[in-house]
Amino acid sequence: MNTFRYALRVAASNVRARTAQSALTALIVGLAVALSVAIVVLADAAQRGIIRAADAFGVLVIGPKGSAQQLVLNTILLQDSPIGLLDSAVYDDLVARQPNLRIAPIAMGDNINGYPIIGTNHTFFELRRSINEPPAFQTAQGRLFEANFEAVLGAEAAQALGLQIGDQFLTSHGISSGLASDVHTDHPYTVVGILGRANAPHDRGVFVTLESVWEAHELGAQSAFVARPRADNQTAVRGRLTAALVLPFGVALNDVYRIAQQVNTSPEAQAAFPGAQLGALFSQLNQGQAILNVVAGLALIMASLTILLSLYSTTLARQQAIAIMRSLGARRTTVFTITLLEAFWLTALGVLIGFALGHGVAAAVSAALAAQSAIPLQTRIVWAQELPLLIIPLVLGIAAGILPSALAYRLNVVEKLYNT
């Protein structure tokens, strides 16, 4: 035990004596570990954030024919563009067939400084993560819209746009900021409500009536696209939608599958289950993560080779010092252990640097992505996946120290002392 402690102290002293070389070697190891850690932490934050953001949005998304994944991404995560327009007759038919079904129609196509205008009705504000929880989107100030060209702003949209209750604004055509000629100058909106923060992409949304969106696109009172109230507090719409959300309350799961089958057999519409589409998205993310993991693994191997070269060159440079140590009574095993422990110290220092750096980079990237997408990306320590990423470099580093240690072990003391 005393011999091991002695070897541990000498190894640490040798590492400190080569400050620049040791720091560079540890940094190379740290960068490789940081890459692995950041990949794992970001993947975990993305999956949890997407699931959290999508939790409130019902069990079924109905939209026009096209990519089901793009339909879900656009409707629930506000990513990508709408895949097309859906005749609201599909919505009317569902309401007629299932009078107890709660459906939130969605019409998008305009924006204000890049923040999407979302046409819908009050059913949207009944969305919640579970039947026992309050609605996910509730007004923090003012009220919900009650007339055309009244707007309710998501928390992030209100803060970024600097709008307050009573302010007016104009919208532009398209899902992102465009040319001045695209502005709907004849249809100003008035802010009547601001929602509390829900930590969801729709915090970026600006919510208005469906009729407001249609009228801004000349699909209002000048045409046959009008809304008519129903006795059951639903609204039968006449116009174009980008999607409709089926709320999971008051309908059995078997009925949901039956509804999805009916919709998918129609030539103009499709029904997509958000969970299935997000699962497919996670599979794609996992494939990308697997590729990055291979790159990170190669980086770890290169870092191990760096340790090997560093210790090998150092061992060659101090052969005479090792010979003197041996002549003073140090055993071969002690010299072997000292060199091997130097590899351990360098690798351990690199692992600590990589762990801290990886989490720092992941936190910074998550914050930047969350600011752009409003998807809550909160990083955490994922011990189950990170622990192997910390142990494997230590094993590789110690393995890289075996060759220099063997060189020190087999050193010919008489020859080196004689050459001195």
Protein backbone atom coordinates (compact mmCIF):
# COMPACT_ATOMS: atom_id res chain seq x y z
CA MET A 1 0.00 0.00 0.00
CA ASN A 2 2.86 2.39 0.88
CA THR A 3 4.52 1.61 -2.45
CA PHE A 4 1.30 2.38 -4.31
CA ARG A 5 0.88 5.70 -2.48
CA TYR A 6 4.45 6.58 -3.33
CA ALA A 7 3.84 5.73 -6.99
CA LEU A 8 0.64 7.79 -6.96
CA ARG A 9 2.45 10.85 -5.59
CA VAL A 10 5.36 10.53 -7.99
CA ALA A 11 3.01 10.12 -10.97
CA ALA A 12 1.05 13.23 -9.97
CA SER A 13 4.32 15.14 -9.54
CA ASN A 14 5.53 14.06 -12.99
CA VAL A 15 2.26 15.25 -14.55
CA ARG A 16 2.56 18.63 -12.84
CA ALA A 17 6.18 18.96 -13.91
CA ARG A 18 5.14 18.88 -17.57
CA THR A 19 2.42 21.52 -17.26
CA ALA A 20 2.01 22.49 -20.90
CA GLN A 21 2.27 18.96 -22.28
CA SER A 22 -0.03 17.52 -19.62
CA ALA A 23 -2.60 20.28 -20.08
CA LEU A 24 -2.65 19.82 -23.86
CA THR A 25 -3.01 16.03 -23.55
CA ALA A 26 -5.81 16.35 -20.96
CA LEU A 27 -7.55 18.94 -23.14
CA ILE A 28 -7.53 16.58 -26.14
CA VAL A 29 -9.08 13.88 -23.97
CA GLY A 30 -11.55 16.42 -22.58
CA LEU A 31 -12.71 17.51 -26.02
CA ALA A 32 -13.36 13.90 -27.03
CA VAL A 33 -15.31 13.22 -23.83
CA ALA A 34 -17.18 16.54 -24.16
CA LEU A 35 -18.36 15.56 -27.64
CA SER A 36 -19.77 12.27 -26.36
CA VAL A 37 -21.39 13.85 -23.31
CA ALA A 38 -22.93 16.72 -25.28
CA ILE A 39 -24.45 14.29 -27.81
CA VAL A 40 -26.10 12.22 -25.08
CA VAL A 41 -27.35 15.21 -23.08
CA LEU A 42 -28.76 17.03 -26.13
CA ALA A 43 -30.52 13.91 -27.41
CA ASP A 44 -32.10 13.37 -23.99
CA ALA A 45 -33.18 17.02 -23.72
CA ALA A 46 -34.64 16.98 -27.24
CA GLN A 47 -36.71 13.86 -26.67
CA ARG A 48 -38.04 15.02 -23.30
CA GLY A 49 -38.70 18.52 -24.66
CA ILE A 50 -40.61 17.29 -27.70
CA ILE A 51 -42.69 14.90 -25.61
CA ARG A 52 -43.45 17.65 -23.10
CA ALA A 53 -44.38 20.10 -25.86
CA ALA A 54 -46.69 17.59 -27.55
CA ASP A 55 -48.37 16.24 -24.42
CA ALA A 56 -51.36 18.59 -24.56
CA PHE A 57 -52.26 18.21 -28.19
CA GLY A 58 -54.82 15.45 -28.28
CA VAL A 59 -54.67 11.98 -29.73
CA LEU A 60 -55.22 12.68 -33.42
CA VAL A 61 -54.18 15.30 -35.97
CA ILE A 62 -56.26 15.57 -39.12
CA GLY A 63 -54.95 17.38 -42.19
CA PRO A 64 -54.59 17.24 -45.96
CA LYS A 65 -52.88 14.37 -47.72
CA GLY A 66 -49.10 14.44 -47.63
CA SER A 67 -46.36 13.77 -45.13
CA ALA A 68 -47.92 12.72 -41.82
CA GLN A 69 -44.75 13.65 -39.95
CA GLN A 70 -44.67 17.12 -41.48
CA LEU A 71 -48.35 17.54 -40.55
CA VAL A 72 -47.59 16.73 -36.90
CA LEU A 73 -44.43 18.85 -36.79
CA ASN A 74 -46.19 21.87 -38.25
CA THR A 75 -49.38 21.59 -36.20
CA ILE A 76 -47.93 20.61 -32.82
CA LEU A 77 -44.34 21.88 -32.83
CA LEU A 78 -44.86 24.80 -35.24
CA GLN A 79 -41.95 23.54 -37.32
CA ASP A 80 -41.80 23.35 -41.10
CA SER A 81 -44.58 24.59 -43.40
CA PRO A 82 -48.21 23.40 -43.65
CA ILE A 83 -48.46 20.61 -46.19
CA GLY A 84 -51.54 22.13 -47.79
CA LEU A 85 -55.14 23.11 -47.18
CA LEU A 86 -57.96 20.95 -45.91
CA ASP A 87 -61.55 21.56 -46.92
CA SER A 88 -63.49 22.22 -43.74
CA ALA A 89 -66.18 19.83 -44.99
CA VAL A 90 -64.02 17.10 -43.44
CA TYR A 91 -64.29 18.92 -40.10
CA ASP A 92 -68.05 19.42 -40.53
CA ASP A 93 -68.51 15.74 -41.30
CA LEU A 94 -66.66 14.72 -38.13
CA VAL A 95 -68.74 17.12 -36.03
CA ALA A 96 -71.94 15.77 -37.57
CA ARG A 97 -70.95 12.13 -37.03
CA GLN A 98 -69.52 12.64 -33.52
CA PRO A 99 -71.46 15.45 -31.82
CA ASN A 100 -69.63 14.80 -28.53
CA LEU A 101 -66.21 14.92 -30.15
CA ARG A 102 -64.10 17.93 -29.22
CA ILE A 103 -62.13 19.15 -32.25
CA ALA A 104 -59.97 22.26 -32.50
CA PRO A 105 -59.66 23.50 -36.11
CA ILE A 106 -56.38 25.16 -37.10
CA ALA A 107 -55.76 27.63 -39.94
CA MET A 108 -52.26 29.03 -40.45
CA GLY A 109 -50.62 31.02 -43.19
CA ASP A 110 -49.85 34.49 -41.78
CA ASN A 111 -47.29 35.86 -39.35
CA ILE A 112 -46.23 38.96 -37.47
CA ASN A 113 -42.45 39.37 -37.49
CA GLY A 114 -42.06 35.62 -37.85
CA TYR A 115 -44.53 34.69 -35.11
CA PRO A 116 -47.34 32.54 -36.59
CA ILE A 117 -50.95 33.62 -36.73
CA ILE A 118 -53.10 30.66 -35.68
CA GLY A 119 -56.77 30.74 -36.55
CA THR A 120 -58.85 28.52 -34.29
CA ASN A 121 -61.83 28.52 -31.92
CA HIS A 122 -62.25 28.32 -28.15
CA THR A 123 -61.98 24.52 -28.22
CA PHE A 124 -58.23 24.95 -28.68
CA PHE A 125 -58.00 26.45 -25.20
CA GLU A 126 -59.45 23.26 -23.72
CA LEU A 127 -56.25 21.37 -24.59
CA ARG A 128 -54.58 19.91 -21.52
CA ARG A 129 -51.92 17.33 -20.70
CA SER A 130 -54.34 15.12 -18.80
CA ILE A 131 -57.99 15.23 -17.81
CA ASN A 132 -57.02 16.04 -14.23
CA GLU A 133 -54.83 19.02 -15.15
CA PRO A 134 -55.97 22.55 -15.99
CA PRO A 135 -55.88 23.70 -19.62
CA ALA A 136 -52.36 24.16 -20.94
CA PHE A 137 -53.13 27.58 -22.44
CA GLN A 138 -54.84 30.03 -20.09
CA THR A 139 -55.06 33.80 -20.18
CA ALA A 140 -52.73 35.62 -17.81
CA GLN A 141 -54.07 39.01 -18.91
CA GLY A 142 -57.29 40.05 -20.65
CA ARG A 143 -59.63 37.49 -22.21
CA LEU A 144 -60.02 35.13 -25.15
CA PHE A 145 -61.10 36.53 -28.52
CA GLU A 146 -64.83 37.01 -29.01
CA ALA A 147 -64.95 38.75 -32.38
CA ASN A 148 -63.05 38.80 -35.65
CA PHE A 149 -59.65 40.54 -35.66
CA GLU A 150 -59.24 40.18 -31.92
CA ALA A 151 -55.98 38.44 -30.98
CA VAL A 152 -54.70 36.47 -28.02
CA LEU A 153 -50.91 36.33 -27.80
CA GLY A 154 -48.75 33.51 -26.49
CA ALA A 155 -46.41 34.51 -23.67
CA GLU A 156 -43.25 34.50 -25.77
CA ALA A 157 -44.90 36.29 -28.71
CA ALA A 158 -46.19 39.05 -26.44
CA GLN A 159 -42.77 39.55 -24.85
CA ALA A 160 -40.83 39.50 -28.10
CA LEU A 161 -43.26 41.74 -30.00
CA GLY A 162 -43.67 44.14 -27.10
CA LEU A 163 -47.47 44.16 -27.46
CA GLN A 164 -49.93 44.78 -24.64
CA ILE A 165 -53.70 44.66 -24.18
CA GLY A 166 -55.35 47.17 -26.53
CA ASP A 167 -52.40 47.42 -28.97
CA GLN A 168 -53.03 46.92 -32.67
CA PHE A 169 -50.83 45.23 -35.27
CA LEU A 170 -50.79 44.13 -38.89
CA THR A 171 -49.92 40.67 -40.20
CA SER A 172 -48.02 39.47 -43.26
CA HIS A 173 -48.72 36.59 -45.58
CA GLY A 174 -46.60 33.48 -45.11
CA ILE A 175 -45.11 31.63 -42.15
CA SER A 176 -42.04 33.89 -41.85
CA SER A 177 -41.27 37.57 -42.18
CA GLY A 178 -41.64 38.64 -45.80
CA LEU A 179 -41.83 41.71 -47.99
CA ALA A 180 -43.70 44.88 -47.06
CA SER A 181 -46.08 44.21 -49.97
CA ASP A 182 -47.26 41.05 -48.19
CA VAL A 183 -48.72 43.00 -45.23
CA HIS A 184 -52.52 42.85 -44.80
CA THR A 185 -52.97 46.60 -44.30
CA ASP A 186 -56.78 46.45 -44.40
CA HIS A 187 -57.11 44.10 -41.45
CA PRO A 188 -55.50 45.32 -38.21
CA TYR A 189 -55.78 43.08 -35.16
CA THR A 190 -56.39 44.24 -31.59
CA VAL A 191 -54.75 42.46 -28.66
CA VAL A 192 -57.42 41.39 -26.15
CA GLY A 193 -55.54 38.72 -24.20
CA ILE A 194 -52.11 37.35 -23.32
CA LEU A 195 -51.61 33.72 -22.34
CA GLY A 196 -49.50 32.45 -19.48
CA ARG A 197 -46.31 30.60 -20.36
CA ALA A 198 -46.99 26.94 -21.16
CA ASN A 199 -43.41 25.99 -22.08
CA ALA A 200 -44.61 24.83 -25.48
CA PRO A 201 -44.01 25.98 -29.07
CA HIS A 202 -47.42 27.67 -29.06
CA ASP A 203 -46.03 30.25 -26.64
CA ARG A 204 -44.89 31.81 -29.93
CA GLY A 205 -48.42 31.76 -31.38
CA VAL A 206 -50.84 34.61 -32.02
CA PHE A 207 -54.36 33.21 -31.79
CA VAL A 208 -57.30 34.65 -33.73
CA THR A 209 -60.67 33.47 -35.02
CA LEU A 210 -60.80 31.30 -38.13
CA GLU A 211 -62.95 33.91 -39.85
CA SER A 212 -60.25 36.53 -39.31
CA VAL A 213 -57.72 34.43 -41.23
CA TRP A 214 -60.17 33.75 -44.03
CA GLU A 215 -61.26 37.36 -44.34
CA ALA A 216 -57.66 38.53 -44.42
CA HIS A 217 -57.25 36.22 -47.40
CA GLU A 218 -60.53 37.33 -48.92
CA LEU A 219 -62.33 34.19 -47.76
CA GLY A 220 -64.68 35.94 -45.37
CA ALA A 221 -68.09 37.52 -45.83
CA GLN A 222 -67.38 38.16 -49.52
CA SER A 223 -67.62 34.44 -50.25
CA ALA A 224 -69.46 31.36 -49.08
CA PHE A 225 -66.85 30.70 -46.40
CA VAL A 226 -68.71 31.75 -43.27
CA ALA A 227 -69.17 30.30 -39.82
CA ARG A 228 -72.48 29.30 -38.34
CA PRO A 229 -73.04 28.62 -34.62
CA ARG A 230 -74.30 25.28 -33.36
CA ALA A 231 -76.47 24.53 -30.38
CA ASP A 232 -73.84 22.23 -28.85
CA ASN A 233 -71.29 25.07 -28.68
CA GLN A 234 -69.22 23.61 -31.52
CA THR A 235 -68.73 25.62 -34.68
CA ALA A 236 -69.33 24.28 -38.16
CA VAL A 237 -66.81 26.07 -40.37
CA ARG A 238 -66.80 26.94 -44.02
CA GLY A 239 -63.33 27.62 -45.40
CA ARG A 240 -59.89 26.14 -45.53
CA LEU A 241 -57.96 24.62 -42.63
CA THR A 242 -54.39 23.46 -42.29
CA ALA A 243 -55.27 20.87 -39.63
CA ALA A 244 -57.68 19.87 -36.87
CA LEU A 245 -56.88 18.47 -33.42
CA VAL A 246 -59.07 15.79 -31.88
CA LEU A 247 -59.12 16.16 -28.10
CA PRO A 248 -58.92 12.86 -26.20
CA PHE A 249 -61.77 13.64 -23.79
CA GLY A 250 -65.19 12.07 -24.13
CA VAL A 251 -64.21 9.54 -26.78
CA ALA A 252 -63.05 5.92 -26.43
CA LEU A 253 -59.74 4.85 -27.92
CA ASN A 254 -61.48 2.38 -30.22
CA ASP A 255 -63.59 5.24 -31.58
CA VAL A 256 -60.44 7.25 -32.21
CA TYR A 257 -58.97 4.42 -34.31
CA ARG A 258 -62.24 4.11 -36.18
CA ILE A 259 -62.28 7.86 -36.87
CA ALA A 260 -58.68 7.71 -38.09
CA GLN A 261 -59.54 4.83 -40.43
CA GLN A 262 -62.53 6.71 -41.85
CA VAL A 263 -60.48 9.85 -42.46
CA ASN A 264 -57.60 7.98 -44.07
CA THR A 265 -59.94 6.30 -46.56
CA SER A 266 -61.06 9.70 -47.86
CA PRO A 267 -59.19 11.07 -50.91
CA GLU A 268 -58.55 14.54 -49.48
CA ALA A 269 -57.59 14.02 -45.83
CA GLN A 270 -55.40 11.99 -43.50
CA ALA A 271 -55.33 11.31 -39.77
CA ALA A 272 -52.02 11.02 -37.92
CA PHE A 273 -51.29 9.93 -34.37
CA PRO A 274 -48.75 12.36 -32.87
CA GLY A 275 -47.16 9.66 -30.72
CA ALA A 276 -46.43 7.42 -33.71
CA GLN A 277 -45.02 10.25 -35.80
CA LEU A 278 -42.88 11.59 -32.97
CA GLY A 279 -41.66 8.02 -32.39
CA ALA A 280 -40.53 7.91 -36.02
CA LEU A 281 -38.85 11.28 -35.51
CA PHE A 282 -37.01 9.92 -32.46
CA SER A 283 -35.83 6.97 -34.56
CA GLN A 284 -34.33 9.42 -37.05
CA LEU A 285 -32.71 11.36 -34.23
CA ASN A 286 -31.30 8.13 -32.82
CA GLN A 287 -29.78 7.28 -36.20
CA GLY A 288 -28.09 10.66 -36.27
CA GLN A 289 -26.95 10.17 -32.70
CA ALA A 290 -25.48 6.77 -33.60
CA ILE A 291 -23.39 8.36 -36.35
CA LEU A 292 -22.18 11.07 -33.98
CA ASN A 293 -21.37 8.41 -31.39
CA VAL A 294 -19.08 6.71 -33.92
CA VAL A 295 -17.34 10.04 -34.50
CA ALA A 296 -17.02 10.53 -30.74
CA GLY A 297 -15.62 7.00 -30.38
CA LEU A 298 -12.98 7.73 -33.00
CA ALA A 299 -12.13 10.93 -31.15
CA LEU A 300 -11.66 8.94 -27.92
CA ILE A 301 -9.32 6.50 -29.71
CA MET A 302 -7.30 9.42 -31.08
CA ALA A 303 -7.14 10.90 -27.58
CA SER A 304 -5.85 7.57 -26.25
CA LEU A 305 -3.17 7.53 -28.94
CA THR A 306 -2.21 11.04 -27.87
CA ILE A 307 -1.71 9.80 -24.31
CA LEU A 308 0.35 6.88 -25.59
CA LEU A 309 2.63 9.13 -27.67
CA SER A 310 2.96 11.67 -24.87
CA LEU A 311 3.96 9.10 -22.25
CA TYR A 312 6.16 7.16 -24.66
CA SER A 313 8.17 10.23 -25.60
CA THR A 314 8.37 11.27 -21.96
CA THR A 315 9.59 7.81 -20.91
CA LEU A 316 12.28 7.87 -23.59
CA ALA A 317 13.39 11.33 -22.44
CA ARG A 318 13.80 10.31 -18.80
CA GLN A 319 15.34 6.88 -19.13
CA GLN A 320 18.39 7.95 -17.18
CA ALA A 321 16.22 9.30 -14.33
CA ILE A 322 14.38 5.98 -14.24
CA ALA A 323 17.71 4.12 -14.14
CA ILE A 324 18.85 6.23 -11.18
CA MET A 325 15.54 5.55 -9.40
CA ARG A 326 16.05 1.83 -9.96
CA SER A 327 19.63 1.97 -8.69
CA LEU A 328 18.37 3.60 -5.49
CA GLY A 329 16.12 0.63 -4.78
CA ALA A 330 12.93 1.20 -6.76
CA ARG A 331 11.44 -2.01 -8.08
CA ARG A 332 10.49 -2.68 -11.68
CA THR A 333 6.83 -2.90 -10.65
CA THR A 334 7.06 0.50 -8.96
CA VAL A 335 8.41 2.15 -12.11
CA PHE A 336 5.75 0.36 -14.17
CA THR A 337 3.02 1.56 -11.79
CA ILE A 338 4.25 5.17 -11.81
CA THR A 339 4.05 5.41 -15.60
CA LEU A 340 0.67 3.69 -15.67
CA LEU A 341 -0.67 6.09 -13.02
CA GLU A 342 0.52 9.05 -15.09
CA ALA A 343 -1.79 7.82 -17.83
CA PHE A 344 -4.57 7.57 -15.25
CA TRP A 345 -4.00 11.15 -14.00
CA LEU A 346 -3.96 12.58 -17.51
CA THR A 347 -7.10 10.69 -18.51
CA ALA A 348 -8.95 11.50 -15.27
CA LEU A 349 -8.17 15.19 -15.69
CA GLY A 350 -9.40 15.02 -19.28
CA VAL A 351 -12.59 13.23 -18.24
CA LEU A 352 -13.38 15.91 -15.65
CA ILE A 353 -12.76 18.65 -18.22
CA GLY A 354 -14.89 16.83 -20.79
CA PHE A 355 -17.76 16.24 -18.37
CA ALA A 356 -17.95 19.92 -17.42
CA LEU A 357 -17.37 21.16 -20.96
CA GLY A 358 -19.91 18.74 -22.47
CA HIS A 359 -22.66 19.85 -20.11
CA GLY A 360 -21.76 23.50 -20.66
CA VAL A 361 -21.94 23.16 -24.44
CA ALA A 362 -25.18 21.16 -24.23
CA ALA A 363 -26.77 23.80 -21.99
CA ALA A 364 -25.75 26.61 -24.36
CA VAL A 365 -26.98 24.78 -27.47
CA SER A 366 -30.24 23.82 -25.73
CA ALA A 367 -30.88 27.42 -24.72
CA ALA A 368 -30.27 28.62 -28.29
CA LEU A 369 -32.53 25.96 -29.81
CA ALA A 370 -35.25 26.56 -27.23
CA ALA A 371 -35.19 30.29 -27.98
CA GLN A 372 -35.72 29.59 -31.68
CA SER A 373 -38.31 26.81 -31.42
CA ALA A 374 -39.94 27.43 -27.99
CA ILE A 375 -39.59 23.69 -27.35
CA PRO A 376 -38.52 23.32 -23.71
CA LEU A 377 -35.02 21.82 -23.78
CA GLN A 378 -33.77 21.30 -20.25
CA THR A 379 -30.48 19.47 -19.86
CA ARG A 380 -29.70 17.09 -17.03
CA ILE A 381 -27.11 14.51 -16.03
CA VAL A 382 -28.07 11.20 -17.64
CA TRP A 383 -26.02 8.89 -15.45
CA ALA A 384 -27.16 5.69 -17.15
CA GLN A 385 -25.65 6.84 -20.46
CA GLU A 386 -22.92 9.18 -19.24
CA LEU A 387 -21.25 6.88 -16.74
CA PRO A 388 -19.93 4.53 -19.48
CA LEU A 389 -18.68 7.62 -21.34
CA LEU A 390 -16.59 8.49 -18.29
CA ILE A 391 -15.35 4.95 -17.57
CA ILE A 392 -14.43 3.98 -21.14
CA PRO A 393 -11.93 6.87 -21.60
CA LEU A 394 -10.29 5.93 -18.29
CA VAL A 395 -9.91 2.34 -19.46
CA LEU A 396 -8.56 3.47 -22.86
CA GLY A 397 -6.18 5.93 -21.21
CA ILE A 398 -4.78 3.33 -18.83
CA ALA A 399 -4.48 0.87 -21.72
CA ALA A 400 -2.56 3.52 -23.67
CA GLY A 401 -0.12 3.76 -20.76
CA ILE A 402 0.78 0.06 -20.85
CA LEU A 403 3.38 0.37 -23.65
CA PRO A 404 5.31 3.27 -22.02
CA SER A 405 5.05 1.47 -18.68
CA ALA A 406 6.46 -1.69 -20.25
CA LEU A 407 9.31 0.36 -21.70
CA ALA A 408 10.12 1.69 -18.23
CA TYR A 409 9.80 -1.80 -16.74
CA ARG A 410 12.26 -3.37 -19.20
CA LEU A 411 14.80 -0.57 -18.95
CA ASN A 412 18.44 -1.79 -18.77
CA VAL A 413 19.68 0.03 -15.67
CA VAL A 414 23.39 -0.79 -16.13
CA GLU A 415 23.40 0.36 -19.74
CA LYS A 416 21.70 3.68 -18.97
CA LEU A 417 23.90 4.39 -15.95
CA TYR A 418 27.03 3.51 -17.92
CA ASN A 419 26.00 5.82 -20.80
CA THR A 420 25.56 8.56 -18.23
